[in-house]
């Protein structure tokens, strides 16, 4: 991290609102795998000693989960820590980094903390960009907040150009478990960042990992802090990543409920296509009155105007059928608030 840059970098707004009883601003699974709580409780006694710094069980479970070599897995306290680690081993002060927008605001923040310069590119155009001369290129798949996946052929061609240019690709796959798309984990020239927050519904556990081979992998393993994961995070994380049936059922449920939510929201707003557990909506005006009206009814949506390039948008998490019904009923009540 570049000390001279820290004072000029601000925090990034996020979703999650505990002040309401229906929080649709954060995109976490409302369910957790069976046995996760028991694994957490059993980890207490083991937490009284230092964990093994190589986390063998966690790395094996992560490798099986994404399809890579366990030696290429670097455990981190959450997906954002994996992103910070990746930026930290690739970006020096003054370096240019390709950053998509609208997308996760932490990419640009981490680049700036390193003293690098985010070069913002419309996320739909990122794969057509020349990566030559950049220290890093960043991809979010599916993209947050738009929810779309990159075209596989265009992605392959872009990755080939990144390799030819010597530009590493950071692939944030925080929401990829909600799709049938294979991970880039283990691909040459790629650092994958993964989170257990979303699909396993455990944002407070702070468990994730990075994946890279070759020289990039060596740098990650050297730079990661000792004991990066607490024992509960390592044990619960390993248990959850073995629950393949839970992931499959989650994907089916989210796809089914996302379509029903999309149909309901489309009666009020323009809704973007999505492969993620959320939907981006253009409400056609400043969304503040809508957000306030829904908050009065105990519902929080994500104010997506905090994302670069969006000025009339909200993001809605896909949760349960009951949550969908409640939101759509509330929208019927406040219909016209933006007129």
C-alpha atoms as a PDB file:
ATOM      1  CA  UNK A   1       0.000   0.000   0.000  1.00  0.00           C
ATOM      2  CA  UNK A   2       1.268   3.466  -0.885  1.00  0.00           C
ATOM      3  CA  UNK A   3       1.320   5.657   2.268  1.00  0.00           C
ATOM      4  CA  UNK A   4       1.112   8.889   0.290  1.00  0.00           C
ATOM      5  CA  UNK A   5      -2.100   7.767  -1.399  1.00  0.00           C
ATOM      6  CA  UNK A   6      -4.045   6.695   1.683  1.00  0.00           C
ATOM      7  CA  UNK A   7      -5.088  10.185   2.796  1.00  0.00           C
ATOM      8  CA  UNK A   8      -6.725  10.955  -0.558  1.00  0.00           C
ATOM      9  CA  UNK A   9      -8.794   7.742  -0.844  1.00  0.00           C
ATOM     10  CA  UNK A  10     -12.336   7.631   0.520  1.00  0.00           C
ATOM     11  CA  UNK A  11     -14.508   4.737   1.653  1.00  0.00           C
ATOM     12  CA  UNK A  12     -16.926   2.982  -0.726  1.00  0.00           C
ATOM     13  CA  UNK A  13     -20.670   2.656   0.025  1.00  0.00           C
ATOM     14  CA  UNK A  14     -22.140  -0.841   0.167  1.00  0.00           C
ATOM     15  CA  UNK A  15     -25.468  -2.565   0.670  1.00  0.00           C
ATOM     16  CA  UNK A  16     -26.685  -4.203   3.912  1.00  0.00           C
ATOM     17  CA  UNK A  17     -29.099  -2.462   6.261  1.00  0.00           C
ATOM     18  CA  UNK A  18     -29.944  -3.923   9.665  1.00  0.00           C
ATOM     19  CA  UNK A  19     -32.417  -1.134  10.476  1.00  0.00           C
ATOM     20  CA  UNK A  20     -35.195  -2.709   8.384  1.00  0.00           C
ATOM     21  CA  UNK A  21     -36.796  -6.137   8.601  1.00  0.00           C
ATOM     22  CA  UNK A  22     -36.524  -6.877   4.853  1.00  0.00           C
ATOM     23  CA  UNK A  23     -33.078  -5.993   3.563  1.00  0.00           C
ATOM     24  CA  UNK A  24     -32.924  -6.365  -0.217  1.00  0.00           C
ATOM     25  CA  UNK A  25     -29.857  -4.132  -0.502  1.00  0.00           C
ATOM     26  CA  UNK A  26     -27.311  -6.931   0.066  1.00  0.00           C
ATOM     27  CA  UNK A  27     -27.007 -10.010  -2.122  1.00  0.00           C
ATOM     28  CA  UNK A  28     -26.466 -12.835   0.343  1.00  0.00           C
ATOM     29  CA  UNK A  29     -28.207 -16.189   0.374  1.00  0.00           C
ATOM     30  CA  UNK A  30     -30.926 -16.180   3.081  1.00  0.00           C
ATOM     31  CA  UNK A  31     -30.062 -19.840   3.747  1.00  0.00           C
ATOM     32  CA  UNK A  32     -26.871 -21.597   4.894  1.00  0.00           C
ATOM     33  CA  UNK A  33     -25.743 -25.188   4.364  1.00  0.00           C
ATOM     34  CA  UNK A  34     -26.893 -27.740   6.900  1.00  0.00           C
ATOM     35  CA  UNK A  35     -24.169 -28.343   9.451  1.00  0.00           C
ATOM     36  CA  UNK A  36     -22.562 -24.900   9.130  1.00  0.00           C
ATOM     37  CA  UNK A  37     -23.615 -23.828  12.634  1.00  0.00           C
ATOM     38  CA  UNK A  38     -22.424 -27.085  14.173  1.00  0.00           C
ATOM     39  CA  UNK A  39     -19.063 -26.733  12.435  1.00  0.00           C
ATOM     40  CA  UNK A  40     -18.767 -23.208  13.832  1.00  0.00           C
ATOM     41  CA  UNK A  41     -19.537 -24.374  17.370  1.00  0.00           C
ATOM     42  CA  UNK A  42     -17.036 -27.231  17.146  1.00  0.00           C
ATOM     43  CA  UNK A  43     -14.312 -24.798  16.099  1.00  0.00           C
ATOM     44  CA  UNK A  44     -14.329 -22.975  19.436  1.00  0.00           C
ATOM     45  CA  UNK A  45     -11.920 -25.220  21.341  1.00  0.00           C
ATOM     46  CA  UNK A  46      -9.553 -25.401  18.361  1.00  0.00           C
ATOM     47  CA  UNK A  47      -9.571 -21.589  18.203  1.00  0.00           C
ATOM     48  CA  UNK A  48      -7.580 -21.449  21.445  1.00  0.00           C
ATOM     49  CA  UNK A  49      -4.439 -22.362  19.502  1.00  0.00           C
ATOM     50  CA  UNK A  50      -3.026 -20.961  16.256  1.00  0.00           C
ATOM     51  CA  UNK A  51      -4.404 -22.570  13.099  1.00  0.00           C
ATOM     52  CA  UNK A  52      -2.140 -24.317  10.603  1.00  0.00           C
ATOM     53  CA  UNK A  53      -0.988 -21.507   8.369  1.00  0.00           C
ATOM     54  CA  UNK A  54      -1.300 -23.666   5.238  1.00  0.00           C
ATOM     55  CA  UNK A  55      -5.011 -24.470   5.857  1.00  0.00           C
ATOM     56  CA  UNK A  56      -4.901 -27.836   4.046  1.00  0.00           C
ATOM     57  CA  UNK A  57      -8.573 -28.799   4.485  1.00  0.00           C
ATOM     58  CA  UNK A  58      -9.799 -25.367   3.375  1.00  0.00           C
ATOM     59  CA  UNK A  59      -7.510 -25.304   0.344  1.00  0.00           C
ATOM     60  CA  UNK A  60      -8.555 -28.785  -0.756  1.00  0.00           C
ATOM     61  CA  UNK A  61     -12.242 -27.913  -0.421  1.00  0.00           C
ATOM     62  CA  UNK A  62     -11.731 -24.637  -2.309  1.00  0.00           C
ATOM     63  CA  UNK A  63      -9.772 -26.370  -5.074  1.00  0.00           C
ATOM     64  CA  UNK A  64     -12.485 -28.991  -5.520  1.00  0.00           C
ATOM     65  CA  UNK A  65     -15.132 -26.281  -5.486  1.00  0.00           C
ATOM     66  CA  UNK A  66     -13.638 -24.244  -8.331  1.00  0.00           C
ATOM     67  CA  UNK A  67     -11.638 -26.947 -10.139  1.00  0.00           C
ATOM     68  CA  UNK A  68      -7.984 -26.098  -9.577  1.00  0.00           C
ATOM     69  CA  UNK A  69      -4.822 -27.345  -7.867  1.00  0.00           C
ATOM     70  CA  UNK A  70      -4.920 -26.891  -4.050  1.00  0.00           C
ATOM     71  CA  UNK A  71      -1.396 -25.467  -4.263  1.00  0.00           C
ATOM     72  CA  UNK A  72      -2.805 -22.520  -6.194  1.00  0.00           C
ATOM     73  CA  UNK A  73      -5.347 -21.580  -3.474  1.00  0.00           C
ATOM     74  CA  UNK A  74      -4.476 -18.741  -1.088  1.00  0.00           C
ATOM     75  CA  UNK A  75      -7.008 -18.411   1.787  1.00  0.00           C
ATOM     76  CA  UNK A  76      -8.069 -14.861   2.658  1.00  0.00           C
ATOM     77  CA  UNK A  77     -10.506 -13.263   5.135  1.00  0.00           C
ATOM     78  CA  UNK A  78     -13.173 -12.637   2.495  1.00  0.00           C
ATOM     79  CA  UNK A  79     -13.267 -11.892  -1.210  1.00  0.00           C
ATOM     80  CA  UNK A  80     -12.319  -8.254  -0.741  1.00  0.00           C
ATOM     81  CA  UNK A  81      -9.123  -9.325   1.023  1.00  0.00           C
ATOM     82  CA  UNK A  82      -8.338 -11.468  -2.022  1.00  0.00           C
ATOM     83  CA  UNK A  83      -8.870  -8.423  -4.251  1.00  0.00           C
ATOM     84  CA  UNK A  84      -6.599  -6.294  -2.059  1.00  0.00           C
ATOM     85  CA  UNK A  85      -3.938  -8.992  -2.119  1.00  0.00           C
ATOM     86  CA  UNK A  86      -4.132  -9.274  -5.913  1.00  0.00           C
ATOM     87  CA  UNK A  87      -3.849  -5.524  -6.440  1.00  0.00           C
ATOM     88  CA  UNK A  88      -1.064  -5.321  -3.875  1.00  0.00           C
ATOM     89  CA  UNK A  89       1.190  -7.787  -5.724  1.00  0.00           C
ATOM     90  CA  UNK A  90       0.631  -6.315  -9.191  1.00  0.00           C
ATOM     91  CA  UNK A  91       0.184  -2.522  -8.929  1.00  0.00           C
ATOM     92  CA  UNK A  92       2.856   0.060  -8.103  1.00  0.00           C
ATOM     93  CA  UNK A  93       2.472   3.834  -7.733  1.00  0.00           C
ATOM     94  CA  UNK A  94       1.707   5.428 -11.095  1.00  0.00           C
ATOM     95  CA  UNK A  95       0.570   2.182 -12.745  1.00  0.00           C
ATOM     96  CA  UNK A  96      -2.549   2.186 -14.919  1.00  0.00           C
ATOM     97  CA  UNK A  97      -5.253  -0.425 -14.267  1.00  0.00           C
ATOM     98  CA  UNK A  98      -8.268  -1.238 -16.434  1.00  0.00           C
ATOM     99  CA  UNK A  99     -11.346  -0.958 -14.197  1.00  0.00           C
ATOM    100  CA  UNK A 100     -14.897  -1.588 -15.483  1.00  0.00           C
ATOM    101  CA  UNK A 101     -17.875   0.615 -14.662  1.00  0.00           C
ATOM    102  CA  UNK A 102     -20.488   0.482 -13.388  1.00  0.00           C
ATOM    103  CA  UNK A 103     -18.998  -2.201 -11.166  1.00  0.00           C
ATOM    104  CA  UNK A 104     -17.831  -2.919  -7.640  1.00  0.00           C
ATOM    105  CA  UNK A 105     -16.414   0.324  -6.246  1.00  0.00           C
ATOM    106  CA  UNK A 106     -13.682  -1.377  -4.242  1.00  0.00           C
ATOM    107  CA  UNK A 107     -11.621  -2.088  -7.370  1.00  0.00           C
ATOM    108  CA  UNK A 108     -10.812   1.566  -7.945  1.00  0.00           C
ATOM    109  CA  UNK A 109     -10.318   2.169  -4.225  1.00  0.00           C
ATOM    110  CA  UNK A 110      -7.758  -0.628  -3.927  1.00  0.00           C
ATOM    111  CA  UNK A 111      -5.903   0.592  -7.012  1.00  0.00           C
ATOM    112  CA  UNK A 112      -5.749   4.116  -5.589  1.00  0.00           C
ATOM    113  CA  UNK A 113      -4.554   2.851  -2.202  1.00  0.00           C
ATOM    114  CA  UNK A 114      -1.608   1.328  -4.051  1.00  0.00           C
ATOM    115  CA  UNK A 115      -0.931   4.654  -5.753  1.00  0.00           C
ATOM    116  CA  UNK A 116      -2.183   3.296  -9.069  1.00  0.00           C
ATOM    117  CA  UNK A 117      -4.475   5.033 -11.542  1.00  0.00           C
ATOM    118  CA  UNK A 118      -7.850   3.445 -12.390  1.00  0.00           C
ATOM    119  CA  UNK A 119      -8.550   3.682 -16.108  1.00  0.00           C
ATOM    120  CA  UNK A 120     -12.327   3.390 -16.205  1.00  0.00           C
ATOM    121  CA  UNK A 121     -13.849   1.461 -19.109  1.00  0.00           C
ATOM    122  CA  UNK A 122     -17.563   0.748 -19.682  1.00  0.00           C
ATOM    123  CA  UNK A 123     -17.927  -2.824 -18.476  1.00  0.00           C
ATOM    124  CA  UNK A 124     -19.606  -3.827 -21.746  1.00  0.00           C
ATOM    125  CA  UNK A 125     -16.482  -2.635 -23.626  1.00  0.00           C
ATOM    126  CA  UNK A 126     -13.812  -4.018 -21.316  1.00  0.00           C
ATOM    127  CA  UNK A 127     -13.177  -7.159 -23.363  1.00  0.00           C
ATOM    128  CA  UNK A 128     -12.510  -5.078 -26.486  1.00  0.00           C
ATOM    129  CA  UNK A 129      -9.914  -2.924 -24.719  1.00  0.00           C
ATOM    130  CA  UNK A 130      -6.179  -3.143 -25.400  1.00  0.00           C
ATOM    131  CA  UNK A 131      -4.515  -4.258 -22.138  1.00  0.00           C
ATOM    132  CA  UNK A 132      -1.011  -3.356 -23.302  1.00  0.00           C
ATOM    133  CA  UNK A 133       0.872  -1.154 -20.848  1.00  0.00           C
ATOM    134  CA  UNK A 134      -1.469  -1.779 -17.922  1.00  0.00           C
ATOM    135  CA  UNK A 135      -0.359  -3.356 -14.664  1.00  0.00           C
ATOM    136  CA  UNK A 136      -3.678  -5.155 -14.224  1.00  0.00           C
ATOM    137  CA  UNK A 137      -7.101  -5.587 -15.787  1.00  0.00           C
ATOM    138  CA  UNK A 138     -10.166  -6.217 -13.604  1.00  0.00           C
ATOM    139  CA  UNK A 139     -13.218  -8.280 -14.547  1.00  0.00           C
ATOM    140  CA  UNK A 140     -16.352  -8.909 -12.478  1.00  0.00           C
ATOM    141  CA  UNK A 141     -18.324 -11.993 -13.522  1.00  0.00           C
ATOM    142  CA  UNK A 142     -21.267 -11.704 -13.177  1.00  0.00           C
ATOM    143  CA  UNK A 143     -20.862  -7.967 -13.062  1.00  0.00           C
ATOM    144  CA  UNK A 144     -22.093  -6.109  -9.998  1.00  0.00           C
ATOM    145  CA  UNK A 145     -24.528  -4.299 -10.242  1.00  0.00           C
ATOM    146  CA  UNK A 146     -25.677  -5.151 -13.791  1.00  0.00           C
ATOM    147  CA  UNK A 147     -25.720  -8.928 -13.299  1.00  0.00           C
ATOM    148  CA  UNK A 148     -24.494  -9.962 -16.750  1.00  0.00           C
ATOM    149  CA  UNK A 149     -21.784 -12.473 -17.643  1.00  0.00           C
ATOM    150  CA  UNK A 150     -19.050 -11.845 -20.227  1.00  0.00           C
ATOM    151  CA  UNK A 151     -19.303 -13.573 -23.591  1.00  0.00           C
ATOM    152  CA  UNK A 152     -17.011 -16.647 -23.376  1.00  0.00           C
ATOM    153  CA  UNK A 153     -15.386 -16.160 -26.790  1.00  0.00           C
ATOM    154  CA  UNK A 154     -14.681 -12.480 -26.184  1.00  0.00           C
ATOM    155  CA  UNK A 155     -13.324 -13.321 -22.743  1.00  0.00           C
ATOM    156  CA  UNK A 156     -10.958 -15.925 -24.186  1.00  0.00           C
ATOM    157  CA  UNK A 157      -9.700 -13.464 -26.782  1.00  0.00           C
ATOM    158  CA  UNK A 158      -9.212 -10.757 -24.165  1.00  0.00           C
ATOM    159  CA  UNK A 159      -7.326 -13.135 -21.911  1.00  0.00           C
ATOM    160  CA  UNK A 160      -5.047 -14.051 -24.817  1.00  0.00           C
ATOM    161  CA  UNK A 161      -4.310 -10.352 -25.345  1.00  0.00           C
ATOM    162  CA  UNK A 162      -3.646  -9.894 -21.617  1.00  0.00           C
ATOM    163  CA  UNK A 163      -1.145 -12.750 -21.666  1.00  0.00           C
ATOM    164  CA  UNK A 164       0.577 -11.354 -24.748  1.00  0.00           C
ATOM    165  CA  UNK A 165       0.807  -7.940 -23.085  1.00  0.00           C
ATOM    166  CA  UNK A 166       2.018  -9.368 -19.767  1.00  0.00           C
ATOM    167  CA  UNK A 167      -1.037  -7.874 -18.040  1.00  0.00           C
ATOM    168  CA  UNK A 168      -2.545 -10.044 -15.271  1.00  0.00           C
ATOM    169  CA  UNK A 169      -6.335 -10.366 -15.192  1.00  0.00           C
ATOM    170  CA  UNK A 170      -8.077 -10.132 -11.818  1.00  0.00           C
ATOM    171  CA  UNK A 171     -11.371 -12.025 -12.109  1.00  0.00           C
ATOM    172  CA  UNK A 172     -13.790 -11.304  -9.277  1.00  0.00           C
ATOM    173  CA  UNK A 173     -16.054 -14.374  -9.166  1.00  0.00           C
ATOM    174  CA  UNK A 174     -18.009 -13.482  -6.023  1.00  0.00           C
ATOM    175  CA  UNK A 175     -21.316 -14.335  -7.742  1.00  0.00           C
ATOM    176  CA  UNK A 176     -20.159 -17.009 -10.187  1.00  0.00           C
ATOM    177  CA  UNK A 177     -21.544 -19.829  -8.014  1.00  0.00           C
ATOM    178  CA  UNK A 178     -25.035 -18.650  -8.984  1.00  0.00           C
ATOM    179  CA  UNK A 179     -24.325 -19.537 -12.623  1.00  0.00           C
ATOM    180  CA  UNK A 180     -23.296 -22.608 -14.613  1.00  0.00           C
ATOM    181  CA  UNK A 181     -20.174 -20.857 -15.937  1.00  0.00           C
ATOM    182  CA  UNK A 182     -16.824 -22.514 -15.087  1.00  0.00           C
ATOM    183  CA  UNK A 183     -14.307 -20.627 -13.004  1.00  0.00           C
ATOM    184  CA  UNK A 184     -11.110 -19.140 -14.439  1.00  0.00           C
ATOM    185  CA  UNK A 185      -9.286 -20.518 -11.384  1.00  0.00           C
ATOM    186  CA  UNK A 186      -5.924 -21.924 -12.387  1.00  0.00           C
ATOM    187  CA  UNK A 187      -5.816 -20.233 -15.799  1.00  0.00           C
ATOM    188  CA  UNK A 188      -2.412 -18.799 -16.656  1.00  0.00           C
ATOM    189  CA  UNK A 189      -2.117 -15.059 -16.099  1.00  0.00           C
ATOM    190  CA  UNK A 190      -5.305 -14.885 -14.003  1.00  0.00           C
ATOM    191  CA  UNK A 191      -5.873 -14.142 -10.328  1.00  0.00           C
ATOM    192  CA  UNK A 192      -9.329 -15.300  -9.266  1.00  0.00           C
ATOM    193  CA  UNK A 193     -10.942 -13.744  -6.174  1.00  0.00           C
ATOM    194  CA  UNK A 194     -13.630 -15.822  -4.470  1.00  0.00           C
ATOM    195  CA  UNK A 195     -15.969 -15.185  -1.548  1.00  0.00           C
ATOM    196  CA  UNK A 196     -18.035 -17.470   0.684  1.00  0.00           C
ATOM    197  CA  UNK A 197     -20.249 -14.512   1.555  1.00  0.00           C
ATOM    198  CA  UNK A 198     -22.798 -14.717  -1.226  1.00  0.00           C
ATOM    199  CA  UNK A 199     -23.812 -18.259  -2.084  1.00  0.00           C
ATOM    200  CA  UNK A 200     -23.331 -19.604   1.455  1.00  0.00           C
ATOM    201  CA  UNK A 201     -24.986 -16.646   3.210  1.00  0.00           C
ATOM    202  CA  UNK A 202     -22.101 -15.977   5.629  1.00  0.00           C
ATOM    203  CA  UNK A 203     -20.964 -12.348   5.195  1.00  0.00           C
ATOM    204  CA  UNK A 204     -19.788 -12.019   8.778  1.00  0.00           C
ATOM    205  CA  UNK A 205     -17.617 -15.134   8.652  1.00  0.00           C
ATOM    206  CA  UNK A 206     -15.069 -13.341   6.420  1.00  0.00           C
ATOM    207  CA  UNK A 207     -13.841 -16.289   4.411  1.00  0.00           C
ATOM    208  CA  UNK A 208     -12.631 -16.323   0.829  1.00  0.00           C
ATOM    209  CA  UNK A 209      -9.611 -17.123  -1.269  1.00  0.00           C
ATOM    210  CA  UNK A 210      -7.487 -16.144  -4.234  1.00  0.00           C
ATOM    211  CA  UNK A 211      -6.277 -18.536  -6.940  1.00  0.00           C
ATOM    212  CA  UNK A 212      -3.269 -18.112  -9.207  1.00  0.00           C
ATOM    213  CA  UNK A 213      -0.495 -20.265 -10.618  1.00  0.00           C
ATOM    214  CA  UNK A 214       3.126 -19.529 -11.539  1.00  0.00           C
ATOM    215  CA  UNK A 215       4.783 -16.304 -10.481  1.00  0.00           C
ATOM    216  CA  UNK A 216       1.459 -14.669  -9.591  1.00  0.00           C
ATOM    217  CA  UNK A 217       0.672 -17.497  -7.209  1.00  0.00           C
ATOM    218  CA  UNK A 218       4.102 -17.236  -5.602  1.00  0.00           C
ATOM    219  CA  UNK A 219       3.586 -13.528  -5.001  1.00  0.00           C
ATOM    220  CA  UNK A 220       0.179 -14.097  -3.417  1.00  0.00           C
ATOM    221  CA  UNK A 221       1.536 -16.765  -1.082  1.00  0.00           C
ATOM    222  CA  UNK A 222       4.425 -14.522  -0.068  1.00  0.00           C
ATOM    223  CA  UNK A 223       2.306 -11.426   0.550  1.00  0.00           C
ATOM    224  CA  UNK A 224      -0.705 -12.933   2.331  1.00  0.00           C
ATOM    225  CA  UNK A 225      -0.619 -12.280   6.109  1.00  0.00           C
ATOM    226  CA  UNK A 226       0.141 -15.180   8.404  1.00  0.00           C
ATOM    227  CA  UNK A 227      -2.956 -16.907   9.817  1.00  0.00           C
ATOM    228  CA  UNK A 228      -5.164 -15.098   7.299  1.00  0.00           C
ATOM    229  CA  UNK A 229      -8.216 -17.139   8.336  1.00  0.00           C
ATOM    230  CA  UNK A 230      -9.492 -17.729  11.833  1.00  0.00           C
ATOM    231  CA  UNK A 231     -10.216 -21.340  12.724  1.00  0.00           C
ATOM    232  CA  UNK A 232     -14.037 -20.942  12.595  1.00  0.00           C
ATOM    233  CA  UNK A 233     -13.842 -19.375   9.131  1.00  0.00           C
ATOM    234  CA  UNK A 234     -11.515 -22.103   7.859  1.00  0.00           C
ATOM    235  CA  UNK A 235     -13.582 -24.970   9.233  1.00  0.00           C
ATOM    236  CA  UNK A 236     -17.010 -23.631   8.335  1.00  0.00           C
ATOM    237  CA  UNK A 237     -15.743 -22.581   4.924  1.00  0.00           C
ATOM    238  CA  UNK A 238     -14.342 -26.019   4.176  1.00  0.00           C
ATOM    239  CA  UNK A 239     -17.602 -27.618   5.284  1.00  0.00           C
ATOM    240  CA  UNK A 240     -19.740 -25.306   3.136  1.00  0.00           C
ATOM    241  CA  UNK A 241     -17.671 -25.746  -0.021  1.00  0.00           C
ATOM    242  CA  UNK A 242     -18.295 -29.497   0.172  1.00  0.00           C
ATOM    243  CA  UNK A 243     -22.072 -28.940   0.021  1.00  0.00           C
ATOM    244  CA  UNK A 244     -22.506 -29.236  -3.754  1.00  0.00           C
ATOM    245  CA  UNK A 245     -26.192 -30.145  -3.503  1.00  0.00           C
ATOM    246  CA  UNK A 246     -26.821 -26.951  -1.524  1.00  0.00           C
ATOM    247  CA  UNK A 247     -25.180 -24.872  -4.262  1.00  0.00           C
ATOM    248  CA  UNK A 248     -27.199 -26.589  -7.007  1.00  0.00           C
ATOM    249  CA  UNK A 249     -30.477 -26.088  -5.154  1.00  0.00           C
ATOM    250  CA  UNK A 250     -29.577 -22.457  -4.453  1.00  0.00           C
ATOM    251  CA  UNK A 251     -28.968 -21.856  -8.165  1.00  0.00           C
ATOM    252  CA  UNK A 252     -32.325 -23.390  -9.096  1.00  0.00           C
ATOM    253  CA  UNK A 253     -34.192 -21.415  -6.448  1.00  0.00           C
ATOM    254  CA  UNK A 254     -32.523 -18.117  -7.338  1.00  0.00           C
ATOM    255  CA  UNK A 255     -33.156 -18.568 -11.080  1.00  0.00           C
ATOM    256  CA  UNK A 256     -36.807 -19.356 -10.451  1.00  0.00           C
ATOM    257  CA  UNK A 257     -37.371 -16.483  -8.022  1.00  0.00           C
ATOM    258  CA  UNK A 258     -35.327 -14.029 -10.079  1.00  0.00           C
ATOM    259  CA  UNK A 259     -37.648 -14.504 -13.037  1.00  0.00           C
ATOM    260  CA  UNK A 260     -40.750 -13.983 -10.914  1.00  0.00           C
ATOM    261  CA  UNK A 261     -39.211 -10.876  -9.354  1.00  0.00           C
ATOM    262  CA  UNK A 262     -38.155  -9.589 -12.771  1.00  0.00           C
ATOM    263  CA  UNK A 263     -41.695  -9.905 -14.111  1.00  0.00           C
ATOM    264  CA  UNK A 264     -43.073  -8.010 -11.127  1.00  0.00           C
ATOM    265  CA  UNK A 265     -40.477  -5.239 -11.233  1.00  0.00           C
ATOM    266  CA  UNK A 266     -40.910  -4.831 -15.003  1.00  0.00           C
ATOM    267  CA  UNK A 267     -44.447  -3.569 -14.365  1.00  0.00           C
ATOM    268  CA  UNK A 268     -42.854  -0.509 -12.759  1.00  0.00           C
ATOM    269  CA  UNK A 269     -39.302  -0.078 -14.113  1.00  0.00           C
ATOM    270  CA  UNK A 270     -36.818  -1.020 -16.776  1.00  0.00           C
ATOM    271  CA  UNK A 271     -35.095  -4.185 -15.537  1.00  0.00           C
ATOM    272  CA  UNK A 272     -31.691  -5.379 -16.759  1.00  0.00           C
ATOM    273  CA  UNK A 273     -31.127  -9.046 -17.671  1.00  0.00           C
ATOM    274  CA  UNK A 274     -29.197 -10.837 -14.933  1.00  0.00           C
ATOM    275  CA  UNK A 275     -27.371 -14.070 -14.181  1.00  0.00           C
ATOM    276  CA  UNK A 276     -26.753 -12.977 -10.587  1.00  0.00           C
ATOM    277  CA  UNK A 277     -28.826 -13.057  -7.376  1.00  0.00           C
ATOM    278  CA  UNK A 278     -29.919  -9.465  -7.944  1.00  0.00           C
ATOM    279  CA  UNK A 279     -31.632  -7.277 -10.520  1.00  0.00           C
ATOM    280  CA  UNK A 280     -30.664  -3.759 -11.579  1.00  0.00           C
ATOM    281  CA  UNK A 281     -33.607  -1.441 -12.264  1.00  0.00           C
ATOM    282  CA  UNK A 282     -33.699   1.953 -13.934  1.00  0.00           C
ATOM    283  CA  UNK A 283     -36.516   3.775 -12.153  1.00  0.00           C
ATOM    284  CA  UNK A 284     -36.314   6.747 -14.528  1.00  0.00           C
ATOM    285  CA  UNK A 285     -35.646   9.407 -11.889  1.00  0.00           C
ATOM    286  CA  UNK A 286     -33.778  10.058  -8.675  1.00  0.00           C
ATOM    287  CA  UNK A 287     -34.621   6.913  -6.676  1.00  0.00           C
ATOM    288  CA  UNK A 288     -34.465   8.658  -3.283  1.00  0.00           C
ATOM    289  CA  UNK A 289     -38.270   9.119  -2.910  1.00  0.00           C
ATOM    290  CA  UNK A 290     -38.871   5.474  -3.799  1.00  0.00           C
ATOM    291  CA  UNK A 291     -36.194   4.254  -1.402  1.00  0.00           C
ATOM    292  CA  UNK A 292     -37.648   6.415   1.385  1.00  0.00           C
ATOM    293  CA  UNK A 293     -41.207   5.218   0.748  1.00  0.00           C
ATOM    294  CA  UNK A 294     -40.129   1.592   0.866  1.00  0.00           C
ATOM    295  CA  UNK A 295     -38.060   2.176   3.986  1.00  0.00           C
ATOM    296  CA  UNK A 296     -41.183   3.457   5.722  1.00  0.00           C
ATOM    297  CA  UNK A 297     -42.599  -0.002   4.992  1.00  0.00           C
ATOM    298  CA  UNK A 298     -39.538  -1.778   6.407  1.00  0.00           C
ATOM    299  CA  UNK A 299     -37.870  -2.592   3.069  1.00  0.00           C
ATOM    300  CA  UNK A 300     -34.382  -1.549   1.936  1.00  0.00           C
ATOM    301  CA  UNK A 301     -33.177  -1.590  -1.670  1.00  0.00           C
ATOM    302  CA  UNK A 302     -29.665  -0.702  -2.809  1.00  0.00           C
ATOM    303  CA  UNK A 303     -29.266   2.868  -4.018  1.00  0.00           C
ATOM    304  CA  UNK A 304     -27.321   2.084  -7.196  1.00  0.00           C
ATOM    305  CA  UNK A 305     -26.605   5.738  -7.980  1.00  0.00           C
ATOM    306  CA  UNK A 306     -23.473   5.236  -5.868  1.00  0.00           C
ATOM    307  CA  UNK A 307     -22.081   3.150  -8.749  1.00  0.00           C
ATOM    308  CA  UNK A 308     -20.129   5.132 -11.353  1.00  0.00           C
ATOM    309  CA  UNK A 309     -22.268   5.893 -14.407  1.00  0.00           C
ATOM    310  CA  UNK A 310     -25.701   5.264 -12.842  1.00  0.00           C
ATOM    311  CA  UNK A 311     -28.030   8.088 -11.815  1.00  0.00           C
ATOM    312  CA  UNK A 312     -31.562   6.628 -11.674  1.00  0.00           C
ATOM    313  CA  UNK A 313     -31.061   3.043 -10.586  1.00  0.00           C
ATOM    314  CA  UNK A 314     -31.710   0.665  -7.730  1.00  0.00           C
ATOM    315  CA  UNK A 315     -30.460  -2.881  -7.208  1.00  0.00           C
ATOM    316  CA  UNK A 316     -32.795  -5.510  -5.771  1.00  0.00           C
ATOM    317  CA  UNK A 317     -31.585  -8.747  -4.185  1.00  0.00           C
ATOM    318  CA  UNK A 318     -33.323 -12.014  -5.042  1.00  0.00           C
ATOM    319  CA  UNK A 319     -34.372 -13.615  -1.780  1.00  0.00           C
ATOM    320  CA  UNK A 320     -37.398 -15.772  -0.972  1.00  0.00           C
ATOM    321  CA  UNK A 321     -40.871 -15.991  -2.517  1.00  0.00           C
ATOM    322  CA  UNK A 322     -42.243 -14.244   0.577  1.00  0.00           C
ATOM    323  CA  UNK A 323     -39.762 -11.400   0.146  1.00  0.00           C
ATOM    324  CA  UNK A 324     -40.749 -11.007  -3.513  1.00  0.00           C
ATOM    325  CA  UNK A 325     -44.437 -10.869  -2.616  1.00  0.00           C
ATOM    326  CA  UNK A 326     -43.865  -8.285   0.076  1.00  0.00           C
ATOM    327  CA  UNK A 327     -41.780  -6.041  -2.177  1.00  0.00           C
ATOM    328  CA  UNK A 328     -44.234  -6.202  -5.064  1.00  0.00           C
ATOM    329  CA  UNK A 329     -47.149  -5.425  -2.738  1.00  0.00           C
ATOM    330  CA  UNK A 330     -45.241  -2.426  -1.364  1.00  0.00           C
ATOM    331  CA  UNK A 331     -44.419  -1.186  -4.869  1.00  0.00           C
ATOM    332  CA  UNK A 332     -48.119  -1.305  -5.746  1.00  0.00           C
ATOM    333  CA  UNK A 333     -48.805   0.869  -2.695  1.00  0.00           C
ATOM    334  CA  UNK A 334     -46.194   3.494  -3.587  1.00  0.00           C
ATOM    335  CA  UNK A 335     -46.791   3.433  -7.339  1.00  0.00           C
ATOM    336  CA  UNK A 336     -46.485   6.966  -8.663  1.00  0.00           C
ATOM    337  CA  UNK A 337     -44.099   8.218  -5.988  1.00  0.00           C
ATOM    338  CA  UNK A 338     -41.573   9.030  -8.729  1.00  0.00           C
ATOM    339  CA  UNK A 339     -44.052  10.817 -11.004  1.00  0.00           C
END
